[in-house]
Protein backbone atom coordinates (compact mmCIF):
# COMPACT_ATOMS: atom_id res chain seq x y z
CA MET A 1 63.46 116.20 68.94
CA THR A 2 60.81 116.91 71.30
CA ILE A 3 57.89 114.63 71.98
CA LYS A 4 54.70 116.12 73.94
CA ASN A 5 51.49 114.38 75.24
CA LYS A 6 48.40 116.02 75.84
CA PHE A 7 44.97 114.37 76.77
CA LEU A 8 42.04 116.14 74.99
CA GLU A 9 38.62 116.49 76.46
CA ASN A 10 36.94 116.82 73.01
CA ILE A 11 38.24 115.38 69.63
CA SER A 12 37.69 118.90 68.20
CA ASP A 13 40.43 120.36 70.26
CA ALA A 14 43.19 118.20 68.33
CA PRO A 15 44.52 120.33 65.36
CA GLY A 16 41.73 119.53 62.56
CA GLU A 17 43.56 119.11 59.47
CA GLY A 18 46.26 117.34 61.10
CA LEU A 19 43.96 114.64 62.90
CA LYS A 20 42.36 114.10 59.55
CA LYS A 21 45.34 113.54 57.93
CA ILE A 22 46.75 110.80 60.15
CA LEU A 23 43.14 109.16 60.49
CA GLY A 24 42.55 109.44 57.14
CA LYS A 25 45.11 106.75 56.29
CA GLU A 26 43.38 104.15 58.01
CA ASP A 27 41.15 101.30 56.32
CA SER A 28 38.01 101.61 58.78
CA PRO A 29 35.60 104.12 58.79
CA PHE A 30 35.17 103.97 62.56
CA ILE A 31 38.79 105.51 63.41
CA SER A 32 38.39 108.56 61.52
CA PHE A 33 37.79 112.10 62.56
CA GLU A 34 34.29 112.38 61.19
CA PHE A 35 32.86 109.07 63.05
CA LEU A 36 34.49 110.07 66.35
CA ASP A 37 33.38 113.64 65.97
CA ALA A 38 29.83 112.77 65.01
CA LEU A 39 29.59 110.59 68.18
CA GLU A 40 30.71 113.75 70.40
CA LYS A 41 28.87 116.24 68.33
CA SER A 42 25.58 114.43 69.04
CA MET A 43 26.16 113.80 72.33
CA CYS A 44 26.06 110.05 72.16
CA VAL A 45 29.31 110.38 73.86
CA GLY A 46 29.86 112.32 76.49
CA SER A 47 29.81 112.39 80.30
CA LEU A 48 25.85 112.19 80.23
CA SER A 49 26.42 108.44 78.33
CA GLY A 50 29.49 107.52 80.59
CA TRP A 51 31.95 107.99 77.88
CA GLN A 52 33.96 110.93 78.74
CA PRO A 53 36.59 111.80 75.96
CA LYS A 54 40.32 111.49 77.10
CA HIS A 55 42.04 111.44 73.80
CA LEU A 56 45.93 111.08 73.68
CA SER A 57 47.51 113.21 71.27
CA VAL A 58 51.21 113.05 70.49
CA PHE A 59 53.15 115.88 69.09
CA ASN A 60 56.56 115.81 67.31
CA GLU A 61 57.95 119.52 67.40
CA ASN A 62 54.43 120.95 67.85
CA LYS A 63 53.37 118.95 64.89
CA LEU A 64 50.39 116.33 65.55
CA SER A 65 51.78 112.92 64.88
CA GLY A 66 49.88 110.43 67.09
CA PHE A 67 46.44 109.81 68.32
CA MET A 68 45.02 106.97 70.38
CA PRO A 69 41.07 107.14 71.21
CA LEU A 70 40.63 107.20 74.92
CA TYR A 71 37.50 107.43 76.91
CA LEU A 72 36.89 107.55 80.74
CA LYS A 73 34.07 105.36 81.99
CA ASP A 74 31.81 105.42 84.66
CA ASN A 75 29.85 102.18 83.49
CA SER A 76 30.28 99.05 81.02
CA GLN A 77 27.69 100.11 78.60
CA GLY A 78 28.40 99.68 75.08
CA GLU A 79 31.83 97.99 74.89
CA PHE A 80 30.82 94.68 73.99
CA VAL A 81 33.32 93.21 76.43
CA PHE A 82 31.95 92.20 79.35
CA ASP A 83 33.86 93.12 82.75
CA HIS A 84 30.59 93.12 85.38
CA GLN A 85 32.18 90.47 87.46
CA TRP A 86 35.55 92.20 87.42
CA SER A 87 34.03 95.40 88.78
CA TYR A 88 31.98 93.28 91.43
CA ALA A 89 35.33 91.41 92.64
CA LEU A 90 37.17 94.97 92.98
CA ASN A 91 34.09 96.43 94.79
CA ARG A 92 34.02 93.88 97.44
CA ALA A 93 37.64 94.52 98.06
CA GLY A 94 36.59 98.10 99.11
CA ARG A 95 37.99 99.68 95.91
CA ASN A 96 36.74 101.49 92.85
CA TYR A 97 36.59 99.79 89.46
CA TYR A 98 35.25 102.79 88.15
CA PRO A 99 36.19 105.27 86.48
CA LYS A 100 38.35 103.27 84.17
CA LEU A 101 40.01 103.98 80.76
CA ILE A 102 38.96 102.44 77.46
CA SER A 103 40.92 102.68 74.12
CA ALA A 104 37.59 101.53 71.94
CA ILE A 105 35.17 102.93 69.45
CA PRO A 106 32.20 103.51 71.33
CA PHE A 107 29.39 101.06 70.50
CA THR A 108 31.15 99.81 67.83
CA PRO A 109 32.69 96.28 68.35
CA CYS A 110 34.88 96.29 65.20
CA GLU A 111 38.68 95.73 64.80
CA THR A 112 40.52 98.94 64.29
CA LYS A 113 43.84 100.34 64.85
CA LYS A 114 43.81 102.30 68.30
CA PHE A 115 47.52 103.26 68.48
CA ILE A 116 47.47 105.63 65.17
CA CYS A 117 51.12 107.33 64.63
CA GLU A 118 53.47 108.47 61.92
CA GLY A 119 57.27 109.45 61.26
CA ILE A 120 59.31 109.01 64.60
CA VAL A 121 56.14 108.61 67.05
CA ASP A 122 55.63 105.17 67.15
CA GLU A 123 53.48 102.94 69.36
CA LYS A 124 55.39 103.09 72.84
CA HIS A 125 54.57 106.77 73.20
CA PHE A 126 50.91 106.07 73.80
CA ILE A 127 51.61 103.42 76.88
CA ASN A 128 53.71 105.20 79.49
CA PRO A 129 51.94 108.80 79.32
CA THR A 130 48.60 106.65 80.10
CA LYS A 131 49.82 104.84 82.89
CA ASP A 132 51.14 107.91 84.45
CA LEU A 133 47.61 109.15 84.15
CA MET A 134 46.39 105.93 85.87
CA ARG A 135 48.80 106.61 88.85
CA GLU A 136 48.03 110.31 88.94
CA GLU A 137 44.24 109.95 89.38
CA ASN A 138 44.24 106.28 90.77
CA ILE A 139 42.57 104.66 87.91
CA GLU A 140 42.82 101.15 88.26
CA SER A 141 42.24 99.78 84.85
CA TRP A 142 42.93 100.55 81.11
CA HIS A 143 41.10 98.39 78.38
CA VAL A 144 42.06 98.29 74.86
CA LEU A 145 39.28 96.89 73.03
CA PHE A 146 39.18 95.22 69.48
CA PRO A 147 42.51 96.41 68.29
CA ASN A 148 44.57 95.54 65.28
CA PRO A 149 46.41 91.93 65.93
CA GLU A 150 49.75 93.70 65.16
CA ILE A 151 50.13 95.27 68.76
CA ARG A 152 49.51 92.04 70.48
CA ASN A 153 53.33 91.75 71.31
CA LEU A 154 54.00 95.34 72.41
CA LEU A 155 51.08 95.25 74.99
CA LEU A 156 51.90 91.83 76.18
CA SER A 157 55.51 92.95 76.96
CA ASN A 158 53.91 95.93 78.61
CA ASP A 159 52.08 93.90 81.16
CA PHE A 160 48.56 93.77 79.55
CA ILE A 161 46.48 90.58 79.84
CA GLU A 162 44.95 89.36 77.05
CA ARG A 163 41.47 88.01 76.96
CA SER A 164 40.17 86.14 74.61
CA GLY A 165 36.97 86.22 72.62
CA TYR A 166 35.36 85.36 69.58
CA ARG A 167 33.27 86.71 66.40
CA PHE A 168 31.89 85.36 63.06
CA VAL A 169 32.97 86.87 59.86
CA TRP A 170 31.89 85.76 56.39
CA ASN A 171 34.56 85.27 53.55
CA ASN A 172 34.34 86.03 50.07
CA ARG A 173 35.84 83.20 48.07
CA ASN A 174 35.34 84.94 44.96
CA TYR A 175 31.86 83.97 44.41
CA SER A 176 30.13 84.99 41.24
CA ASP A 177 26.69 85.03 42.74
CA PHE A 178 24.63 83.82 45.82
CA ALA A 179 24.15 80.33 44.24
CA HIS A 180 27.69 79.89 43.83
CA PHE A 181 28.35 80.87 47.60
CA LEU A 182 25.77 78.30 48.57
CA GLU A 183 27.78 75.51 46.99
CA ILE A 184 30.15 75.50 50.19
CA PHE A 185 27.09 74.16 52.34
CA THR A 186 25.76 70.69 52.95
CA SER A 187 22.80 69.87 50.90
CA ARG A 188 20.74 69.96 54.06
CA GLN A 189 21.71 73.68 54.63
CA ARG A 190 21.65 74.77 51.04
CA LYS A 191 18.11 73.60 51.43
CA ASN A 192 17.64 75.72 54.66
CA ILE A 193 18.79 78.98 53.59
CA LYS A 194 16.71 78.49 50.43
CA THR A 195 13.74 78.21 52.26
CA GLU A 196 14.30 81.29 54.29
CA ARG A 197 14.71 83.22 51.43
CA LYS A 198 11.92 81.98 49.84
CA LYS A 199 9.72 82.78 53.10
CA ILE A 200 10.44 86.64 52.28
CA ASN A 201 10.18 86.23 48.68
CA SER A 202 6.65 84.64 48.90
CA LEU A 203 5.34 87.92 51.09
CA ASN A 204 6.51 89.63 48.19
CA ILE A 205 9.01 91.57 50.41
CA SER A 206 11.61 93.55 48.19
CA PHE A 207 14.98 95.13 49.04
CA THR A 208 16.44 98.62 48.15
CA VAL A 209 19.96 99.45 48.50
CA LYS A 210 21.06 102.66 49.76
CA ASP A 211 24.49 103.57 49.88
CA LYS A 212 26.50 107.04 49.50
CA GLU A 213 25.66 107.15 45.75
CA ASN A 214 21.77 107.40 46.40
CA LEU A 215 21.01 107.90 50.08
CA GLU A 216 18.95 110.77 51.11
CA GLU A 217 18.55 112.35 54.29
CA GLU A 218 15.08 111.45 54.95
CA ASP A 219 16.20 107.53 54.98
CA TRP A 220 17.82 108.15 58.12
CA ASP A 221 14.39 109.27 59.74
CA ILE A 222 13.11 105.95 58.49
CA PHE A 223 16.03 103.70 59.60
CA TYR A 224 15.98 105.55 63.01
CA LYS A 225 12.29 104.63 63.96
CA PHE A 226 13.45 100.95 63.22
CA TYR A 227 16.74 101.16 65.06
CA LYS A 228 14.92 102.74 68.30
CA ASN A 229 12.28 100.09 68.20
CA THR A 230 14.80 97.27 68.53
CA TYR A 231 15.88 99.05 71.78
CA SER A 232 12.46 99.71 72.94
CA GLU A 233 11.53 95.92 72.63
CA ARG A 234 14.28 95.27 75.22
CA MET A 235 12.96 98.37 77.26
CA GLN A 236 16.31 100.22 76.88
CA ALA A 237 17.29 103.42 75.47
CA PRO A 238 19.15 103.74 72.05
CA TYR A 239 22.96 104.45 72.39
CA LEU A 240 22.88 106.33 69.17
CA ASN A 241 20.17 109.38 68.44
CA ILE A 242 18.87 111.04 65.21
CA GLU A 243 21.62 113.96 65.21
CA PHE A 244 24.34 111.37 64.88
CA PHE A 245 22.81 109.68 61.75
CA LYS A 246 22.26 112.77 60.22
CA LEU A 247 25.75 113.74 60.87
CA VAL A 248 27.05 110.37 59.51
CA HIS A 249 25.01 111.42 56.39
CA GLU A 250 26.80 114.76 55.96
CA HIS A 251 30.26 112.57 55.63
CA ARG A 252 28.55 109.46 53.80
CA SER A 253 31.46 110.09 50.83
CA SER A 254 34.26 109.24 53.65
CA LEU A 255 31.99 107.07 55.93
CA LYS A 256 30.48 104.94 53.36
CA PRO A 257 27.14 103.82 55.19
CA VAL A 258 24.88 101.33 53.29
CA LEU A 259 21.27 100.88 54.23
CA PHE A 260 19.17 97.94 53.29
CA PHE A 261 15.70 98.73 53.51
CA ALA A 262 12.92 95.87 53.28
CA GLU A 263 9.87 97.03 51.62
CA HIS A 264 6.44 95.64 51.63
CA ASP A 265 3.33 97.04 49.56
CA GLY A 266 5.53 100.33 48.87
CA GLU A 267 6.01 100.48 52.71
CA LYS A 268 9.40 100.26 54.23
CA ILE A 269 9.10 97.83 57.08
CA ALA A 270 12.81 97.16 58.29
CA GLY A 271 16.24 98.28 57.72
CA SER A 272 19.87 97.55 58.48
CA LEU A 273 22.89 99.52 58.57
CA CYS A 274 26.34 98.87 57.34
CA PHE A 275 29.75 100.50 56.81
CA GLN A 276 31.97 99.73 54.11
CA GLY A 277 35.86 99.73 55.02
CA LYS A 278 38.72 99.16 52.56
CA ASP A 279 37.97 95.44 52.29
CA THR A 280 35.35 94.83 54.77
CA LEU A 281 31.57 95.53 54.92
CA TYR A 282 30.81 95.83 58.62
CA GLY A 283 27.18 95.46 59.90
CA ARG A 284 25.89 97.43 62.77
CA HIS A 285 22.47 98.20 63.52
CA TRP A 286 18.93 96.81 62.44
CA GLY A 287 15.42 97.33 63.10
CA ALA A 288 11.77 96.33 62.05
CA SER A 289 8.30 97.59 62.49
CA LYS A 290 6.85 94.25 61.89
CA ASP A 291 7.69 90.64 63.35
CA ILE A 292 8.25 88.52 60.28
CA ASP A 293 9.89 84.95 60.51
CA SER A 294 13.41 85.07 58.53
CA LEU A 295 13.17 88.78 57.99
CA HIS A 296 16.33 89.37 60.26
CA PHE A 297 18.49 86.71 58.58
CA GLU A 298 17.35 88.28 54.95
CA CYS A 299 17.90 91.93 56.01
CA CYS A 300 21.11 91.77 58.15
CA TYR A 301 22.96 88.81 56.46
CA TYR A 302 21.75 87.54 52.88
CA GLN A 303 21.51 91.22 51.66
CA GLY A 304 24.73 91.85 52.81
CA ILE A 305 26.34 89.00 51.57
CA ASP A 306 24.68 89.81 48.06
CA TYR A 307 26.18 93.18 48.36
CA CYS A 308 29.68 91.88 49.15
CA ILE A 309 29.48 89.66 46.08
CA GLU A 310 28.38 92.25 43.86
CA LYS A 311 31.11 94.66 44.91
CA GLY A 312 33.94 92.36 45.41
CA ILE A 313 34.42 93.01 48.84
CA LYS A 314 36.37 90.52 50.83
CA PHE A 315 34.83 89.91 54.13
CA PHE A 316 31.33 90.80 55.91
CA ASP A 317 31.85 91.23 59.70
CA PRO A 318 28.31 91.67 60.95
CA GLY A 319 29.13 91.91 64.64
CA VAL A 320 30.25 89.83 67.72
CA GLN A 321 28.73 86.76 69.14
CA GLY A 322 25.69 85.01 67.67
CA GLU A 323 25.87 81.01 67.12
CA HIS A 324 22.87 81.61 64.51
CA LYS A 325 25.77 83.26 62.11
CA ILE A 326 27.30 79.87 61.81
CA ARG A 327 24.34 78.28 60.13
CA ARG A 328 24.50 81.05 57.29
CA GLY A 329 28.38 81.00 56.28
CA PHE A 330 29.75 83.01 59.06
CA GLU A 331 33.11 81.40 60.54
CA PRO A 332 34.15 81.97 63.73
CA LYS A 333 37.35 84.01 64.31
CA LYS A 334 39.05 84.61 67.70
CA SER A 335 39.03 88.07 68.72
CA ASN A 336 41.47 89.68 71.63
CA SER A 337 41.15 92.48 73.85
CA TYR A 338 43.96 93.78 76.20
CA HIS A 339 43.86 94.74 79.80
CA PHE A 340 46.12 96.48 82.03
CA LEU A 341 45.40 96.69 85.90
CA LEU A 342 47.47 99.01 87.92
CA ARG A 343 47.85 96.97 91.07
CA LYS A 344 49.61 93.57 91.20
CA ASP A 345 46.92 91.68 93.34
CA PHE A 346 44.03 92.65 90.97
CA ARG A 347 46.53 91.89 87.75
CA GLU A 348 47.18 88.52 89.04
CA ALA A 349 43.55 87.67 89.55
CA ILE A 350 42.27 88.99 86.06
CA ASN A 351 45.22 87.17 84.77
CA ALA A 352 43.81 83.83 86.23
CA PHE A 353 40.42 84.64 85.16
CA CYS A 354 41.47 85.14 81.71
CA LEU A 355 43.58 81.74 81.44
CA GLU A 356 40.61 79.89 82.71
CA GLU A 357 38.32 81.93 80.31
CA THR A 358 40.49 81.10 77.46
CA LYS A 359 40.39 77.34 77.68
CA SER A 360 36.44 77.90 77.37
CA ILE A 361 36.76 79.94 74.50
CA ASP A 362 39.03 77.64 72.76
CA SER A 363 36.62 74.60 73.51
CA TYR A 364 33.68 76.79 72.04
CA LEU A 365 35.53 77.58 68.93
CA THR A 366 36.11 73.58 68.74
CA ALA A 367 32.67 73.25 69.10
CA CYS A 368 31.65 75.81 66.39
CA ASP A 369 34.07 73.80 63.96
CA GLU A 370 32.20 70.58 64.58
CA TYR A 371 28.68 72.19 63.92
CA THR A 372 29.41 74.17 60.83
CA PRO A 373 27.38 73.27 57.94
CA ILE A 374 30.18 74.36 55.52
CA LYS A 375 31.66 71.41 54.07
CA LYS A 376 35.33 70.76 55.07
CA GLU A 377 37.25 71.29 51.80
CA TYR A 378 35.86 75.15 52.08
CA ARG A 379 36.76 75.62 55.82
CA ILE A 380 39.00 78.58 56.56
């Protein structure tokens, strides 16, 4: 048995069919060759964006048997786990926080498997080579963001620090329709949601759903204008470009994008983008050309819930944070990230930080449970 490791500067440097084969077994569209390759081909990911690929591939007797997404980062943008305080602290100590290593899906705060392996190759084959790389190149930190929970014990036993976060997820309790879903709420909140939906209906705004069965290339041009507008309002450049979305369209059968368009007087005025996994609909991006009260809630949440009920999809994960999701049926869920710090002094400081932060997160989640309008008998 000969196990060899290789760090890849581009995902296309991996044996194509071998990588597609092992990644094709995963449930999420984001940890797929097509999605990661689209990010690189469109140059949304690369040296210019601060996401330099350094993917770890593991070979057993020259056969690709393991893969871990890995990036060398010189900033903290597009991660959704915020570590600016950590970088300031290390810089004040006269050391460099950047570059750092990230095992994550760029711009995608969705839980996915990060250590992909088959046969005799297992998760431990990813940890030591990456730590060796850190020592060789004097990289202070490695961050595993939004991993599957099964690797928690492995990471903790290898000196990773657990950091607590949270997200809000909608759970499908075998609802027959939206009215059935509303039964889980107190009467006051049922009325609030009905009022929000009536506002949109009273304006004669209708919705069109485009998925892998009926998506057309020009749909992406329309959606991109909305998406870009969201960033322009914040005076920021968008993370993704139109080339990326066109590549998603090419692979729509496997990536399963779903676009929800709002239309008024025959004109599309807003859109939200989701991706469908095995049992989860993932809400990712949205934008609008007009500022209309309650349109965001309808386009990003209620349309997705309707779609999940119709298709029998178990969960709807619309992205991290956002307390307003609680009032619309999304329930809090703890979400952890894991961090390896190369040197003992920094590791001890970050560990103390995370322990205190966890107390705050736990208190926040307790408050969420008290704030939720979902009746107690329906809470998970």
